[in-house]
Every structure is written in C-alpha cells, then in structure tokens.
C-alpha cells in the first residue's frame, strides 16, 4: 500500500516547467477568447456610439447654418464647421 501511495504522488505531481507551459497555454487561450468577445461586443457599441455622435454633430451644424442665413459657404464652414 505504501508503494501505491508514493507512486500516485509522483504521477500527480507536475514539474514547474509543465505548470508554466500550461499557464502560458491558458493565457493565450484567455486572450484569444477576450479578443473575440471584445470584437463581437465592441463593434455594435462602437457603431451605435458613432451614429449618435454623427446625428448630434449634424444637428449642431444644421442649427448653426439656420441661425446664419445669407452667409457664403466658406464663411458657414469656418463658423459652423463641416459634417465630415
């Protein structure tokens, strides 16, 4: 029985190098998973944020242009900015 216990302990024990290799493997896997989740979640959030910003900016430019009727286009661009 003592022999079985000692043998089992030797087989269950992993070396430091094996542990570091497993840790690096898990790290790469975790980073890849995080990147995929970030792309899937980030793309719609970025698209929505850009859309909200663009609509607000377009509203500001149009309002500014309405508040300054009769001005020439170069003056309006200098005063109100551009949509793009």
Protein backbone atom coordinates (compact mmCIF):
# COMPACT_ATOMS: atom_id res chain seq x y z
CA UNK A 1 0.00 0.00 0.00
CA UNK A 2 2.81 2.43 0.79
CA UNK A 3 4.21 1.81 -2.67
CA UNK A 4 0.87 2.72 -4.32
CA UNK A 5 0.68 5.97 -2.36
CA UNK A 6 4.24 7.02 -3.32
CA UNK A 7 3.69 6.10 -6.97
CA UNK A 8 0.45 8.06 -7.13
CA UNK A 9 2.12 11.11 -5.64
CA UNK A 10 4.87 11.00 -8.27
CA UNK A 11 2.36 10.76 -11.11
CA UNK A 12 0.10 13.52 -9.76
CA UNK A 13 2.98 15.94 -9.33
CA UNK A 14 3.77 18.14 -12.32
CA UNK A 15 7.06 19.91 -12.77
CA UNK A 16 7.41 23.68 -12.66
CA UNK A 17 8.15 23.79 -16.40
CA UNK A 18 4.94 21.87 -17.15
CA UNK A 19 2.97 24.20 -14.90
CA UNK A 20 4.39 27.30 -16.65
CA UNK A 21 3.64 25.81 -20.07
CA UNK A 22 0.05 25.10 -19.03
CA UNK A 23 -0.28 28.61 -17.64
CA UNK A 24 1.02 30.16 -20.89
CA UNK A 25 -1.35 27.99 -22.90
CA UNK A 26 -4.28 29.11 -20.76
CA UNK A 27 -3.16 32.73 -21.03
CA UNK A 28 -3.08 32.63 -24.84
CA UNK A 29 -6.48 30.92 -24.89
CA UNK A 30 -7.92 33.50 -22.49
CA UNK A 31 -6.51 36.40 -24.51
CA UNK A 32 -7.92 34.99 -27.75
CA UNK A 33 -11.33 34.47 -26.14
CA UNK A 34 -11.29 38.02 -24.76
CA UNK A 35 -10.37 39.41 -28.16
CA UNK A 36 -13.24 37.60 -29.87
CA UNK A 37 -15.73 38.69 -27.21
CA UNK A 38 -14.39 42.26 -27.41
CA UNK A 39 -14.83 42.38 -31.17
CA UNK A 40 -18.34 40.92 -31.00
CA UNK A 41 -19.43 43.26 -28.21
CA UNK A 42 -17.38 46.29 -29.26
CA UNK A 43 -18.47 46.52 -32.89
CA UNK A 44 -22.17 47.23 -32.17
CA UNK A 45 -21.30 49.56 -29.29
CA UNK A 46 -18.85 51.49 -31.48
CA UNK A 47 -21.32 51.65 -34.36
CA UNK A 48 -24.09 52.93 -32.07
CA UNK A 49 -21.80 55.49 -30.43
CA UNK A 50 -20.60 56.77 -33.80
CA UNK A 51 -24.18 57.04 -35.05
CA UNK A 52 -25.29 59.04 -32.00
CA UNK A 53 -22.27 61.36 -32.29
CA UNK A 54 -22.80 61.88 -36.02
CA UNK A 55 -26.50 62.70 -35.58
CA UNK A 56 -25.75 65.17 -32.80
CA UNK A 57 -22.98 66.81 -34.83
CA UNK A 58 -25.24 67.03 -37.90
CA UNK A 59 -27.92 68.70 -35.77
CA UNK A 60 -25.43 71.26 -34.44
CA UNK A 61 -24.15 72.12 -37.91
CA UNK A 62 -27.65 72.45 -39.38
CA UNK A 63 -28.82 74.60 -36.47
CA UNK A 64 -25.79 76.86 -36.84
CA UNK A 65 -26.44 77.21 -40.58
CA UNK A 66 -30.08 78.14 -39.91
CA UNK A 67 -29.01 80.77 -37.39
CA UNK A 68 -26.75 82.44 -40.00
CA UNK A 69 -28.83 82.88 -43.16
CA UNK A 70 -27.38 84.69 -46.14
CA UNK A 71 -23.76 83.86 -45.35
CA UNK A 72 -21.50 82.43 -48.01
CA UNK A 73 -20.46 78.77 -47.88
CA UNK A 74 -16.81 79.42 -46.89
CA UNK A 75 -17.98 81.63 -44.02
CA UNK A 76 -20.51 79.00 -42.89
CA UNK A 77 -17.84 76.30 -42.94
CA UNK A 78 -15.49 78.47 -40.90
CA UNK A 79 -18.24 79.39 -38.44
CA UNK A 80 -20.21 76.13 -38.14
CA UNK A 81 -17.75 73.51 -39.22
CA UNK A 82 -18.44 70.61 -41.53
CA UNK A 83 -20.36 67.37 -41.19
CA UNK A 84 -17.33 65.40 -42.37
